[in-house]
N, C-alpha and C. Protein backbone atom coordinates (compact mmCIF):
# COMPACT_ATOMS: atom_id res chain seq x y z
N MET A 1 -10.35 -1.09 0.00
CA MET A 1 -9.15 -0.29 -0.25
C MET A 1 -9.36 1.12 0.30
N PRO A 2 -8.78 1.41 1.44
CA PRO A 2 -9.05 2.70 2.08
C PRO A 2 -8.51 3.88 1.29
N ALA A 3 -9.33 4.94 1.26
CA ALA A 3 -8.87 6.20 0.68
C ALA A 3 -7.89 6.85 1.64
N VAL A 4 -6.82 7.42 1.10
CA VAL A 4 -5.82 8.07 1.94
C VAL A 4 -5.47 9.44 1.35
N ILE A 5 -5.07 10.33 2.22
CA ILE A 5 -4.52 11.63 1.85
C ILE A 5 -3.17 11.74 2.55
N PHE A 6 -2.14 12.10 1.81
CA PHE A 6 -0.81 12.21 2.42
C PHE A 6 -0.09 13.42 1.83
N PRO A 7 0.93 13.92 2.52
CA PRO A 7 1.58 15.16 2.06
C PRO A 7 2.46 14.93 0.83
N GLY A 8 2.31 15.82 -0.15
CA GLY A 8 3.18 15.83 -1.32
C GLY A 8 3.95 17.13 -1.37
N PRO A 9 4.79 17.30 -2.38
CA PRO A 9 5.61 18.51 -2.47
C PRO A 9 4.80 19.79 -2.70
N GLU A 10 3.60 19.66 -3.32
CA GLU A 10 2.79 20.84 -3.64
C GLU A 10 1.46 20.82 -2.90
N GLY A 11 1.40 20.09 -1.80
CA GLY A 11 0.15 19.99 -1.05
C GLY A 11 -0.27 18.52 -0.94
N ARG A 12 -1.53 18.33 -0.61
CA ARG A 12 -2.02 16.97 -0.36
C ARG A 12 -2.09 16.15 -1.65
N LEU A 13 -1.82 14.85 -1.50
CA LEU A 13 -2.00 13.89 -2.59
C LEU A 13 -3.04 12.86 -2.15
N GLU A 14 -3.88 12.48 -3.10
CA GLU A 14 -4.97 11.54 -2.84
C GLU A 14 -4.60 10.16 -3.36
N GLY A 15 -4.86 9.14 -2.57
CA GLY A 15 -4.56 7.79 -3.03
C GLY A 15 -5.51 6.75 -2.50
N ARG A 16 -5.25 5.51 -2.90
CA ARG A 16 -5.90 4.33 -2.35
C ARG A 16 -4.79 3.40 -1.89
N PHE A 17 -4.90 2.95 -0.65
CA PHE A 17 -3.81 2.18 -0.06
C PHE A 17 -4.35 0.93 0.61
N GLN A 18 -3.73 -0.20 0.26
CA GLN A 18 -4.06 -1.46 0.91
C GLN A 18 -2.89 -1.85 1.79
N PRO A 19 -3.05 -1.83 3.12
CA PRO A 19 -1.94 -2.21 4.00
C PRO A 19 -1.53 -3.67 3.78
N ALA A 20 -0.34 -3.98 4.20
CA ALA A 20 0.18 -5.34 4.05
C ALA A 20 -0.57 -6.31 4.97
N THR A 21 -0.57 -7.56 4.57
CA THR A 21 -1.26 -8.58 5.35
C THR A 21 -0.33 -9.28 6.34
N ARG A 22 0.97 -9.00 6.25
CA ARG A 22 1.92 -9.68 7.14
C ARG A 22 3.12 -8.77 7.38
N PRO A 23 3.87 -9.01 8.46
CA PRO A 23 5.07 -8.22 8.72
C PRO A 23 6.11 -8.43 7.61
N ARG A 24 6.89 -7.41 7.37
CA ARG A 24 7.97 -7.44 6.37
C ARG A 24 7.47 -7.71 4.96
N ALA A 25 6.19 -7.52 4.73
CA ALA A 25 5.66 -7.70 3.37
C ALA A 25 6.29 -6.68 2.43
N PRO A 26 6.39 -7.01 1.14
CA PRO A 26 6.92 -6.03 0.18
C PRO A 26 5.94 -4.90 -0.09
N VAL A 27 6.47 -3.84 -0.66
CA VAL A 27 5.70 -2.65 -1.01
C VAL A 27 5.60 -2.54 -2.52
N ALA A 28 4.44 -2.11 -3.02
CA ALA A 28 4.30 -1.82 -4.45
C ALA A 28 3.58 -0.48 -4.63
N MET A 29 4.00 0.27 -5.64
CA MET A 29 3.34 1.52 -5.98
C MET A 29 3.02 1.52 -7.47
N ILE A 30 1.79 1.92 -7.81
CA ILE A 30 1.30 1.89 -9.18
C ILE A 30 1.09 3.33 -9.65
N LEU A 31 1.62 3.67 -10.83
CA LEU A 31 1.59 5.04 -11.34
C LEU A 31 0.73 5.12 -12.61
N HIS A 32 -0.13 6.13 -12.64
CA HIS A 32 -1.16 6.21 -13.68
C HIS A 32 -0.69 6.98 -14.92
N PRO A 33 -1.47 6.89 -16.03
CA PRO A 33 -1.09 7.56 -17.28
C PRO A 33 -1.16 9.08 -17.20
N HIS A 34 -0.90 9.72 -18.33
CA HIS A 34 -0.70 11.16 -18.42
C HIS A 34 -1.92 11.94 -17.91
N PRO A 35 -1.70 12.83 -16.94
CA PRO A 35 -2.82 13.61 -16.40
C PRO A 35 -3.56 14.44 -17.44
N GLN A 36 -2.84 14.93 -18.44
CA GLN A 36 -3.48 15.78 -19.44
C GLN A 36 -4.15 14.99 -20.55
N ALA A 37 -4.07 13.67 -20.46
CA ALA A 37 -4.79 12.80 -21.39
C ALA A 37 -5.87 12.02 -20.64
N GLY A 38 -6.25 12.52 -19.48
CA GLY A 38 -7.31 11.89 -18.71
C GLY A 38 -6.85 10.81 -17.76
N GLY A 39 -5.55 10.67 -17.56
CA GLY A 39 -5.03 9.62 -16.68
C GLY A 39 -5.31 9.92 -15.21
N THR A 40 -5.80 8.92 -14.49
CA THR A 40 -6.01 9.02 -13.05
C THR A 40 -5.69 7.67 -12.41
N MET A 41 -5.68 7.64 -11.08
CA MET A 41 -5.41 6.39 -10.37
C MET A 41 -6.54 5.38 -10.56
N ASN A 42 -7.68 5.85 -11.09
CA ASN A 42 -8.80 4.94 -11.36
C ASN A 42 -8.80 4.41 -12.79
N ASP A 43 -7.76 4.72 -13.53
CA ASP A 43 -7.58 4.13 -14.85
C ASP A 43 -7.68 2.60 -14.74
N ARG A 44 -8.27 1.99 -15.75
CA ARG A 44 -8.56 0.56 -15.71
C ARG A 44 -7.32 -0.31 -15.52
N ILE A 45 -6.27 -0.03 -16.29
CA ILE A 45 -5.06 -0.86 -16.20
C ILE A 45 -4.33 -0.59 -14.89
N THR A 46 -4.32 0.66 -14.46
CA THR A 46 -3.72 0.99 -13.17
C THR A 46 -4.40 0.20 -12.05
N GLN A 47 -5.73 0.13 -12.11
CA GLN A 47 -6.46 -0.61 -11.08
C GLN A 47 -6.18 -2.11 -11.16
N HIS A 48 -6.10 -2.66 -12.36
CA HIS A 48 -5.80 -4.09 -12.50
C HIS A 48 -4.44 -4.42 -11.88
N MET A 49 -3.44 -3.58 -12.13
CA MET A 49 -2.12 -3.86 -11.57
C MET A 49 -2.13 -3.70 -10.05
N TYR A 50 -2.85 -2.70 -9.57
CA TYR A 50 -3.01 -2.51 -8.13
C TYR A 50 -3.57 -3.78 -7.49
N LYS A 51 -4.64 -4.31 -8.10
CA LYS A 51 -5.32 -5.47 -7.51
C LYS A 51 -4.44 -6.71 -7.52
N THR A 52 -3.60 -6.88 -8.54
CA THR A 52 -2.77 -8.08 -8.57
C THR A 52 -1.68 -8.03 -7.49
N PHE A 53 -1.16 -6.84 -7.20
CA PHE A 53 -0.19 -6.73 -6.10
C PHE A 53 -0.88 -6.91 -4.74
N VAL A 54 -2.08 -6.35 -4.59
CA VAL A 54 -2.84 -6.53 -3.34
C VAL A 54 -3.08 -8.02 -3.10
N ALA A 55 -3.48 -8.74 -4.16
CA ALA A 55 -3.79 -10.17 -4.02
C ALA A 55 -2.56 -10.97 -3.59
N ARG A 56 -1.38 -10.45 -3.84
CA ARG A 56 -0.14 -11.14 -3.47
C ARG A 56 0.38 -10.70 -2.10
N GLY A 57 -0.40 -9.89 -1.40
CA GLY A 57 -0.03 -9.53 -0.03
C GLY A 57 0.88 -8.33 0.09
N PHE A 58 1.09 -7.59 -1.00
CA PHE A 58 1.92 -6.38 -0.94
C PHE A 58 1.17 -5.26 -0.22
N ALA A 59 1.91 -4.40 0.47
CA ALA A 59 1.38 -3.09 0.86
C ALA A 59 1.37 -2.24 -0.42
N THR A 60 0.17 -1.91 -0.92
CA THR A 60 0.05 -1.40 -2.29
C THR A 60 -0.62 -0.03 -2.30
N LEU A 61 0.00 0.90 -3.04
CA LEU A 61 -0.53 2.26 -3.16
C LEU A 61 -0.69 2.63 -4.62
N ARG A 62 -1.83 3.23 -4.96
CA ARG A 62 -1.97 4.00 -6.20
C ARG A 62 -2.43 5.38 -5.78
N PHE A 63 -2.06 6.40 -6.52
CA PHE A 63 -2.41 7.76 -6.10
C PHE A 63 -2.54 8.64 -7.34
N ASN A 64 -3.18 9.77 -7.15
CA ASN A 64 -3.31 10.76 -8.20
C ASN A 64 -2.14 11.74 -8.17
N PHE A 65 -1.50 11.92 -9.31
CA PHE A 65 -0.49 12.96 -9.41
C PHE A 65 -1.12 14.33 -9.14
N ARG A 66 -0.27 15.30 -8.88
CA ARG A 66 -0.72 16.67 -8.59
C ARG A 66 -1.72 17.17 -9.63
N GLY A 67 -2.76 17.84 -9.16
CA GLY A 67 -3.75 18.42 -10.05
C GLY A 67 -4.78 17.45 -10.58
N VAL A 68 -4.72 16.19 -10.16
CA VAL A 68 -5.68 15.17 -10.61
C VAL A 68 -6.57 14.79 -9.42
N GLY A 69 -7.88 14.73 -9.66
CA GLY A 69 -8.80 14.39 -8.57
C GLY A 69 -8.67 15.36 -7.42
N ARG A 70 -8.45 14.84 -6.24
CA ARG A 70 -8.34 15.69 -5.04
C ARG A 70 -6.89 16.00 -4.70
N SER A 71 -5.96 15.63 -5.56
CA SER A 71 -4.55 15.96 -5.32
C SER A 71 -4.30 17.42 -5.67
N GLN A 72 -3.61 18.12 -4.80
CA GLN A 72 -3.38 19.55 -4.98
C GLN A 72 -2.20 19.80 -5.93
N GLY A 73 -2.15 21.02 -6.45
CA GLY A 73 -1.08 21.40 -7.38
C GLY A 73 -1.57 21.37 -8.81
N SER A 74 -0.64 21.53 -9.75
CA SER A 74 -0.98 21.50 -11.18
C SER A 74 0.11 20.76 -11.94
N PHE A 75 -0.25 20.30 -13.13
CA PHE A 75 0.65 19.47 -13.94
C PHE A 75 2.00 20.15 -14.13
N ASP A 76 3.08 19.36 -14.03
CA ASP A 76 4.42 19.93 -14.04
C ASP A 76 5.35 19.19 -15.01
N ASN A 77 4.79 18.69 -16.11
CA ASN A 77 5.60 18.13 -17.20
C ASN A 77 6.53 17.00 -16.78
N GLY A 78 6.13 16.28 -15.74
CA GLY A 78 6.90 15.10 -15.33
C GLY A 78 7.88 15.38 -14.20
N ILE A 79 8.33 16.61 -14.07
CA ILE A 79 9.32 16.93 -13.03
C ILE A 79 8.66 16.87 -11.65
N GLY A 80 7.55 17.58 -11.51
CA GLY A 80 6.83 17.55 -10.25
C GLY A 80 6.20 16.20 -9.97
N GLU A 81 5.78 15.52 -11.05
CA GLU A 81 5.16 14.21 -10.87
C GLU A 81 6.16 13.19 -10.32
N LEU A 82 7.42 13.31 -10.73
CA LEU A 82 8.46 12.46 -10.15
C LEU A 82 8.63 12.77 -8.66
N SER A 83 8.57 14.03 -8.29
CA SER A 83 8.63 14.40 -6.87
C SER A 83 7.42 13.85 -6.11
N ASP A 84 6.25 13.88 -6.76
CA ASP A 84 5.06 13.28 -6.14
C ASP A 84 5.28 11.80 -5.85
N ALA A 85 5.83 11.09 -6.84
CA ALA A 85 6.05 9.64 -6.68
C ALA A 85 7.04 9.36 -5.56
N ALA A 86 8.08 10.18 -5.46
CA ALA A 86 9.06 10.00 -4.38
C ALA A 86 8.40 10.25 -3.02
N ALA A 87 7.56 11.28 -2.94
CA ALA A 87 6.87 11.57 -1.68
C ALA A 87 5.90 10.44 -1.33
N ALA A 88 5.24 9.89 -2.34
CA ALA A 88 4.29 8.79 -2.10
C ALA A 88 5.03 7.56 -1.58
N LEU A 89 6.19 7.27 -2.16
CA LEU A 89 6.96 6.12 -1.68
C LEU A 89 7.47 6.36 -0.26
N ASP A 90 7.88 7.59 0.03
CA ASP A 90 8.28 7.94 1.40
C ASP A 90 7.13 7.65 2.38
N TRP A 91 5.92 8.02 1.97
CA TRP A 91 4.76 7.84 2.84
C TRP A 91 4.51 6.36 3.11
N VAL A 92 4.54 5.54 2.07
CA VAL A 92 4.33 4.10 2.26
C VAL A 92 5.41 3.53 3.17
N GLN A 93 6.64 3.95 2.94
CA GLN A 93 7.74 3.40 3.74
C GLN A 93 7.68 3.86 5.19
N SER A 94 7.06 5.01 5.44
CA SER A 94 6.89 5.44 6.82
C SER A 94 5.90 4.53 7.56
N ILE A 95 4.97 3.93 6.81
CA ILE A 95 4.00 3.01 7.40
C ILE A 95 4.58 1.60 7.49
N HIS A 96 5.38 1.23 6.49
CA HIS A 96 5.98 -0.11 6.43
C HIS A 96 7.50 0.00 6.36
N PRO A 97 8.14 0.52 7.41
CA PRO A 97 9.60 0.70 7.35
C PRO A 97 10.35 -0.63 7.26
N GLU A 98 9.68 -1.73 7.62
CA GLU A 98 10.35 -3.03 7.64
C GLU A 98 10.14 -3.80 6.33
N ALA A 99 9.60 -3.14 5.29
CA ALA A 99 9.30 -3.84 4.03
C ALA A 99 10.52 -4.57 3.49
N SER A 100 10.28 -5.79 3.02
CA SER A 100 11.39 -6.62 2.54
C SER A 100 11.94 -6.14 1.20
N THR A 101 11.06 -5.61 0.35
CA THR A 101 11.50 -5.12 -0.96
C THR A 101 10.43 -4.19 -1.51
N THR A 102 10.77 -3.48 -2.58
CA THR A 102 9.85 -2.49 -3.16
C THR A 102 9.76 -2.71 -4.67
N TRP A 103 8.53 -2.66 -5.18
CA TRP A 103 8.27 -2.76 -6.62
C TRP A 103 7.56 -1.49 -7.10
N ILE A 104 7.79 -1.18 -8.38
CA ILE A 104 7.11 -0.05 -9.01
C ILE A 104 6.47 -0.54 -10.30
N ALA A 105 5.23 -0.12 -10.54
CA ALA A 105 4.55 -0.46 -11.79
C ALA A 105 3.94 0.81 -12.36
N GLY A 106 4.05 0.98 -13.65
CA GLY A 106 3.50 2.17 -14.28
C GLY A 106 2.99 1.87 -15.68
N TYR A 107 2.02 2.66 -16.09
CA TYR A 107 1.40 2.51 -17.41
C TYR A 107 1.55 3.82 -18.17
N SER A 108 2.16 3.75 -19.36
CA SER A 108 2.36 4.89 -20.24
C SER A 108 3.20 5.97 -19.52
N PHE A 109 2.67 7.18 -19.34
CA PHE A 109 3.40 8.22 -18.61
C PHE A 109 3.83 7.73 -17.23
N GLY A 110 3.00 6.92 -16.59
CA GLY A 110 3.35 6.37 -15.29
C GLY A 110 4.56 5.46 -15.36
N ALA A 111 4.75 4.77 -16.49
CA ALA A 111 5.94 3.92 -16.66
C ALA A 111 7.20 4.78 -16.73
N LEU A 112 7.10 5.93 -17.41
CA LEU A 112 8.23 6.86 -17.47
C LEU A 112 8.61 7.33 -16.07
N ILE A 113 7.62 7.77 -15.29
CA ILE A 113 7.90 8.27 -13.95
C ILE A 113 8.45 7.14 -13.08
N GLY A 114 7.90 5.95 -13.21
CA GLY A 114 8.37 4.82 -12.42
C GLY A 114 9.83 4.49 -12.71
N MET A 115 10.21 4.53 -13.97
CA MET A 115 11.59 4.20 -14.32
C MET A 115 12.55 5.31 -13.90
N GLN A 116 12.07 6.56 -13.90
CA GLN A 116 12.89 7.64 -13.35
C GLN A 116 13.06 7.46 -11.84
N LEU A 117 12.00 7.04 -11.17
CA LEU A 117 12.07 6.88 -9.72
C LEU A 117 13.04 5.76 -9.34
N LEU A 118 13.05 4.68 -10.11
CA LEU A 118 13.93 3.57 -9.70
C LEU A 118 15.41 3.94 -9.84
N MET A 119 15.72 4.95 -10.65
CA MET A 119 17.10 5.43 -10.72
C MET A 119 17.51 6.12 -9.42
N ARG A 120 16.53 6.63 -8.68
CA ARG A 120 16.81 7.40 -7.47
C ARG A 120 16.61 6.61 -6.19
N ARG A 121 15.99 5.45 -6.29
CA ARG A 121 15.62 4.70 -5.09
C ARG A 121 16.15 3.27 -5.19
N PRO A 122 17.31 3.02 -4.62
CA PRO A 122 17.93 1.70 -4.77
C PRO A 122 17.14 0.57 -4.14
N GLU A 123 16.17 0.90 -3.28
CA GLU A 123 15.38 -0.18 -2.67
C GLU A 123 14.39 -0.80 -3.66
N ILE A 124 14.15 -0.15 -4.81
CA ILE A 124 13.25 -0.72 -5.82
C ILE A 124 13.98 -1.85 -6.53
N ARG A 125 13.45 -3.07 -6.38
CA ARG A 125 14.13 -4.24 -6.94
C ARG A 125 13.40 -4.85 -8.12
N GLY A 126 12.24 -4.35 -8.48
CA GLY A 126 11.53 -4.87 -9.64
C GLY A 126 10.60 -3.83 -10.21
N PHE A 127 10.40 -3.89 -11.53
CA PHE A 127 9.48 -2.93 -12.15
C PHE A 127 8.64 -3.61 -13.23
N ILE A 128 7.45 -3.05 -13.43
CA ILE A 128 6.58 -3.43 -14.54
C ILE A 128 6.25 -2.14 -15.28
N SER A 129 6.66 -2.07 -16.54
CA SER A 129 6.41 -0.88 -17.35
C SER A 129 5.53 -1.29 -18.53
N VAL A 130 4.31 -0.77 -18.55
CA VAL A 130 3.36 -1.06 -19.62
C VAL A 130 3.34 0.14 -20.57
N ALA A 131 3.67 -0.13 -21.83
CA ALA A 131 3.68 0.90 -22.88
C ALA A 131 4.48 2.15 -22.47
N PRO A 132 5.76 1.99 -22.07
CA PRO A 132 6.56 3.17 -21.73
C PRO A 132 6.76 4.04 -22.97
N PRO A 133 6.53 5.35 -22.88
CA PRO A 133 6.51 6.21 -24.08
C PRO A 133 7.91 6.54 -24.61
N ALA A 134 8.57 5.52 -25.14
CA ALA A 134 9.96 5.67 -25.57
C ALA A 134 10.11 6.52 -26.83
N ASN A 135 9.01 6.72 -27.56
CA ASN A 135 9.06 7.58 -28.75
C ASN A 135 8.77 9.05 -28.42
N MET A 136 8.41 9.34 -27.18
CA MET A 136 8.06 10.71 -26.78
C MET A 136 9.05 11.31 -25.80
N TYR A 137 9.70 10.46 -25.02
CA TYR A 137 10.63 10.91 -23.98
C TYR A 137 11.96 10.19 -24.15
N ASP A 138 13.01 10.84 -23.66
CA ASP A 138 14.36 10.28 -23.71
C ASP A 138 14.57 9.40 -22.48
N PHE A 139 14.77 8.11 -22.70
CA PHE A 139 14.98 7.17 -21.61
C PHE A 139 16.46 6.90 -21.36
N SER A 140 17.33 7.74 -21.89
CA SER A 140 18.77 7.50 -21.72
C SER A 140 19.23 7.70 -20.27
N PHE A 141 18.32 8.20 -19.41
CA PHE A 141 18.67 8.32 -17.98
C PHE A 141 18.89 6.95 -17.35
N LEU A 142 18.42 5.87 -17.99
CA LEU A 142 18.60 4.52 -17.46
C LEU A 142 20.01 4.03 -17.77
N ALA A 143 20.99 4.68 -17.15
CA ALA A 143 22.39 4.41 -17.48
C ALA A 143 23.22 4.31 -16.21
N PRO A 144 23.36 3.12 -15.64
CA PRO A 144 22.62 1.93 -16.05
C PRO A 144 21.30 1.80 -15.30
N CYS A 145 20.42 0.99 -15.84
CA CYS A 145 19.16 0.65 -15.16
C CYS A 145 19.50 -0.22 -13.95
N PRO A 146 19.07 0.15 -12.75
CA PRO A 146 19.55 -0.55 -11.54
C PRO A 146 18.75 -1.77 -11.14
N ALA A 147 17.65 -2.08 -11.82
CA ALA A 147 16.80 -3.18 -11.38
C ALA A 147 16.28 -3.96 -12.59
N SER A 148 15.96 -5.21 -12.36
CA SER A 148 15.35 -6.04 -13.39
C SER A 148 13.85 -5.80 -13.43
N GLY A 149 13.26 -6.04 -14.60
CA GLY A 149 11.83 -5.83 -14.73
C GLY A 149 11.32 -6.30 -16.06
N ILE A 150 10.04 -6.01 -16.32
CA ILE A 150 9.41 -6.38 -17.58
C ILE A 150 8.81 -5.15 -18.24
N ILE A 151 8.95 -5.10 -19.55
CA ILE A 151 8.33 -4.06 -20.38
C ILE A 151 7.32 -4.76 -21.27
N ILE A 152 6.08 -4.30 -21.22
CA ILE A 152 4.98 -4.92 -21.96
C ILE A 152 4.41 -3.90 -22.94
N GLN A 153 4.24 -4.33 -24.19
CA GLN A 153 3.86 -3.42 -25.25
C GLN A 153 2.85 -4.09 -26.18
N GLY A 154 1.87 -3.31 -26.61
CA GLY A 154 0.92 -3.80 -27.61
C GLY A 154 1.46 -3.60 -29.02
N THR A 155 1.32 -4.62 -29.87
CA THR A 155 1.85 -4.50 -31.24
C THR A 155 1.03 -3.56 -32.11
N GLY A 156 -0.22 -3.27 -31.70
CA GLY A 156 -1.06 -2.36 -32.47
C GLY A 156 -1.11 -0.96 -31.90
N ASP A 157 -0.17 -0.62 -31.03
CA ASP A 157 -0.14 0.68 -30.36
C ASP A 157 0.32 1.75 -31.35
N THR A 158 -0.51 2.75 -31.59
CA THR A 158 -0.12 3.87 -32.47
C THR A 158 0.26 5.12 -31.68
N VAL A 159 0.14 5.07 -30.35
CA VAL A 159 0.54 6.18 -29.49
C VAL A 159 2.01 6.01 -29.09
N VAL A 160 2.31 4.87 -28.51
CA VAL A 160 3.70 4.49 -28.21
C VAL A 160 4.09 3.40 -29.20
N THR A 161 5.03 3.71 -30.08
CA THR A 161 5.32 2.79 -31.17
C THR A 161 6.13 1.59 -30.69
N PRO A 162 5.72 0.37 -31.08
CA PRO A 162 6.44 -0.83 -30.66
C PRO A 162 7.93 -0.81 -31.03
N ASN A 163 8.25 -0.18 -32.18
CA ASN A 163 9.65 -0.12 -32.60
C ASN A 163 10.50 0.67 -31.61
N ALA A 164 9.97 1.79 -31.10
CA ALA A 164 10.71 2.60 -30.13
C ALA A 164 10.91 1.83 -28.83
N VAL A 165 9.91 1.08 -28.43
CA VAL A 165 10.02 0.29 -27.20
C VAL A 165 11.03 -0.84 -27.39
N GLN A 166 11.02 -1.45 -28.58
CA GLN A 166 11.99 -2.51 -28.85
C GLN A 166 13.43 -1.98 -28.76
N LYS A 167 13.65 -0.78 -29.26
CA LYS A 167 14.99 -0.18 -29.17
C LYS A 167 15.39 0.05 -27.72
N LEU A 168 14.44 0.49 -26.90
CA LEU A 168 14.71 0.68 -25.47
C LEU A 168 15.07 -0.66 -24.82
N VAL A 169 14.31 -1.70 -25.13
CA VAL A 169 14.58 -3.03 -24.57
C VAL A 169 15.98 -3.50 -24.99
N ASP A 170 16.28 -3.34 -26.27
CA ASP A 170 17.58 -3.79 -26.78
C ASP A 170 18.72 -3.07 -26.06
N LYS A 171 18.53 -1.76 -25.84
CA LYS A 171 19.58 -0.98 -25.15
C LYS A 171 19.75 -1.45 -23.71
N LEU A 172 18.64 -1.67 -23.01
CA LEU A 172 18.72 -2.10 -21.62
C LEU A 172 19.33 -3.49 -21.51
N ARG A 173 19.11 -4.33 -22.52
CA ARG A 173 19.62 -5.70 -22.47
C ARG A 173 21.13 -5.77 -22.67
N THR A 174 21.75 -4.68 -23.07
CA THR A 174 23.21 -4.67 -23.16
C THR A 174 23.86 -4.44 -21.81
N GLN A 175 23.07 -4.06 -20.81
CA GLN A 175 23.61 -3.74 -19.49
C GLN A 175 23.78 -5.01 -18.65
N LYS A 176 24.77 -5.00 -17.82
CA LYS A 176 25.07 -6.15 -16.98
C LYS A 176 24.30 -6.09 -15.66
N HIS A 177 24.15 -7.26 -15.05
CA HIS A 177 23.61 -7.41 -13.70
C HIS A 177 22.11 -7.18 -13.61
N ILE A 178 21.42 -7.00 -14.73
CA ILE A 178 19.96 -6.93 -14.72
C ILE A 178 19.42 -7.85 -15.82
N THR A 179 18.17 -8.24 -15.67
CA THR A 179 17.49 -9.05 -16.69
C THR A 179 16.21 -8.33 -17.08
N ILE A 180 16.08 -8.03 -18.37
CA ILE A 180 14.91 -7.31 -18.87
C ILE A 180 14.04 -8.28 -19.67
N HIS A 181 12.84 -8.51 -19.20
CA HIS A 181 11.87 -9.28 -19.96
C HIS A 181 11.06 -8.33 -20.84
N HIS A 182 10.58 -8.86 -21.95
CA HIS A 182 9.82 -8.03 -22.90
C HIS A 182 8.72 -8.89 -23.50
N ASP A 183 7.48 -8.49 -23.26
CA ASP A 183 6.34 -9.18 -23.85
C ASP A 183 5.62 -8.24 -24.80
N GLU A 184 5.27 -8.75 -25.96
CA GLU A 184 4.42 -8.01 -26.88
C GLU A 184 3.05 -8.69 -26.95
N ILE A 185 2.02 -7.88 -26.83
CA ILE A 185 0.65 -8.39 -26.85
C ILE A 185 0.09 -8.18 -28.26
N PRO A 186 -0.15 -9.25 -29.01
CA PRO A 186 -0.63 -9.09 -30.39
C PRO A 186 -1.92 -8.29 -30.47
N ARG A 187 -1.94 -7.39 -31.47
CA ARG A 187 -3.13 -6.59 -31.83
C ARG A 187 -3.48 -5.51 -30.82
N ALA A 188 -2.87 -5.53 -29.63
CA ALA A 188 -3.29 -4.59 -28.58
C ALA A 188 -2.91 -3.15 -28.94
N ASN A 189 -3.87 -2.22 -28.75
CA ASN A 189 -3.56 -0.80 -28.93
C ASN A 189 -3.04 -0.23 -27.61
N HIS A 190 -2.91 1.09 -27.56
CA HIS A 190 -2.31 1.71 -26.37
C HIS A 190 -3.15 1.48 -25.11
N PHE A 191 -4.44 1.24 -25.31
CA PHE A 191 -5.34 1.12 -24.17
C PHE A 191 -5.70 -0.33 -23.85
N PHE A 192 -5.14 -1.26 -24.61
CA PHE A 192 -5.40 -2.69 -24.40
C PHE A 192 -6.90 -2.94 -24.26
N GLU A 193 -7.67 -2.29 -25.15
CA GLU A 193 -9.13 -2.31 -25.02
C GLU A 193 -9.69 -3.72 -25.01
N HIS A 194 -9.18 -4.56 -25.90
CA HIS A 194 -9.72 -5.93 -26.01
C HIS A 194 -8.73 -6.97 -25.50
N GLU A 195 -7.56 -6.53 -25.08
CA GLU A 195 -6.50 -7.48 -24.70
C GLU A 195 -6.07 -7.33 -23.23
N THR A 196 -6.92 -6.74 -22.40
CA THR A 196 -6.55 -6.60 -20.99
C THR A 196 -6.27 -7.96 -20.33
N PRO A 197 -7.05 -9.01 -20.60
CA PRO A 197 -6.71 -10.31 -19.99
C PRO A 197 -5.32 -10.79 -20.38
N GLU A 198 -4.94 -10.59 -21.64
CA GLU A 198 -3.60 -11.01 -22.08
C GLU A 198 -2.52 -10.16 -21.40
N LEU A 199 -2.78 -8.87 -21.26
CA LEU A 199 -1.84 -7.99 -20.56
C LEU A 199 -1.64 -8.47 -19.13
N MET A 200 -2.72 -8.73 -18.43
CA MET A 200 -2.60 -9.12 -17.02
C MET A 200 -2.01 -10.52 -16.88
N ARG A 201 -2.22 -11.37 -17.86
CA ARG A 201 -1.57 -12.69 -17.83
C ARG A 201 -0.06 -12.52 -17.88
N SER A 202 0.39 -11.58 -18.72
CA SER A 202 1.82 -11.29 -18.81
C SER A 202 2.36 -10.76 -17.49
N VAL A 203 1.64 -9.82 -16.88
CA VAL A 203 2.04 -9.26 -15.59
C VAL A 203 2.12 -10.37 -14.53
N ASP A 204 1.07 -11.19 -14.46
CA ASP A 204 1.01 -12.22 -13.42
C ASP A 204 2.06 -13.31 -13.63
N ASN A 205 2.29 -13.70 -14.88
CA ASN A 205 3.32 -14.71 -15.14
C ASN A 205 4.69 -14.20 -14.71
N TYR A 206 4.95 -12.92 -14.98
CA TYR A 206 6.23 -12.35 -14.58
C TYR A 206 6.36 -12.30 -13.06
N LEU A 207 5.31 -11.86 -12.38
CA LEU A 207 5.37 -11.80 -10.92
C LEU A 207 5.50 -13.19 -10.31
N ASP A 208 4.80 -14.18 -10.88
CA ASP A 208 4.95 -15.56 -10.39
C ASP A 208 6.42 -15.98 -10.45
N MET A 209 7.06 -15.66 -11.57
CA MET A 209 8.46 -16.04 -11.75
C MET A 209 9.37 -15.29 -10.78
N ARG A 210 9.21 -13.98 -10.68
CA ARG A 210 10.11 -13.17 -9.86
C ARG A 210 9.94 -13.42 -8.36
N LEU A 211 8.72 -13.73 -7.94
CA LEU A 211 8.46 -13.87 -6.51
C LEU A 211 8.65 -15.31 -6.02
N ALA A 212 8.96 -16.22 -6.93
CA ALA A 212 9.22 -17.60 -6.52
C ALA A 212 10.51 -17.65 -5.68
N PRO A 213 10.53 -18.47 -4.65
CA PRO A 213 11.71 -18.53 -3.77
C PRO A 213 13.01 -18.86 -4.50
N ASP A 214 12.90 -19.63 -5.58
CA ASP A 214 14.11 -20.06 -6.29
C ASP A 214 14.44 -19.20 -7.50
N CYS A 215 13.81 -18.02 -7.62
CA CYS A 215 14.07 -17.16 -8.77
C CYS A 215 15.53 -16.67 -8.74
N PRO A 216 16.25 -16.84 -9.85
CA PRO A 216 17.66 -16.41 -9.87
C PRO A 216 17.83 -14.89 -9.98
N ILE A 217 16.75 -14.19 -10.35
CA ILE A 217 16.82 -12.73 -10.49
C ILE A 217 16.52 -12.11 -9.13
N LYS A 218 17.47 -11.36 -8.61
CA LYS A 218 17.29 -10.75 -7.29
C LYS A 218 16.94 -9.28 -7.40
């Protein structure tokens, strides 16, 4: 997985990028947890999601938000980080302008930024949001949510409360033209310390379903 440096809104951004294995391959971008809570692109769950998209032949990028690792700038309360994500997607698309479709995956704070990004980028056709912080941030910007995806939550999470995530899922499921899947991982805390295999099984089962040629969800 080659290390890459590409231009962001506040200077250089550092990432890891796996080019596509075939023409017109889809693009995926993975977004890491909160920078001020130690989140980086090398976070364990971020790396697991990166690897599963790479294994499926996606042109796949994970990167450090501003002020993390070798990425320039400083934390900007989500506003600048959303700009970073948009710049990162621009960079991938400049390399793969013929991409057939685009996916976004995020964990915790990264799930928030990913869902904000899909409101601005109609080419994003699928999302994976792991433990989106629905009890800390207002997700009412998803009005309407433009793409189908899956939200995965641990039932033992005391950082992002399962009840708040359930309310978000229920609200999104009232919207037309999208399908929202929701998996709860029993006993899992916010870090899926002992349940990472179950988390990734949920991710992979969803991708198997969505990427199948006969999948009714477009």
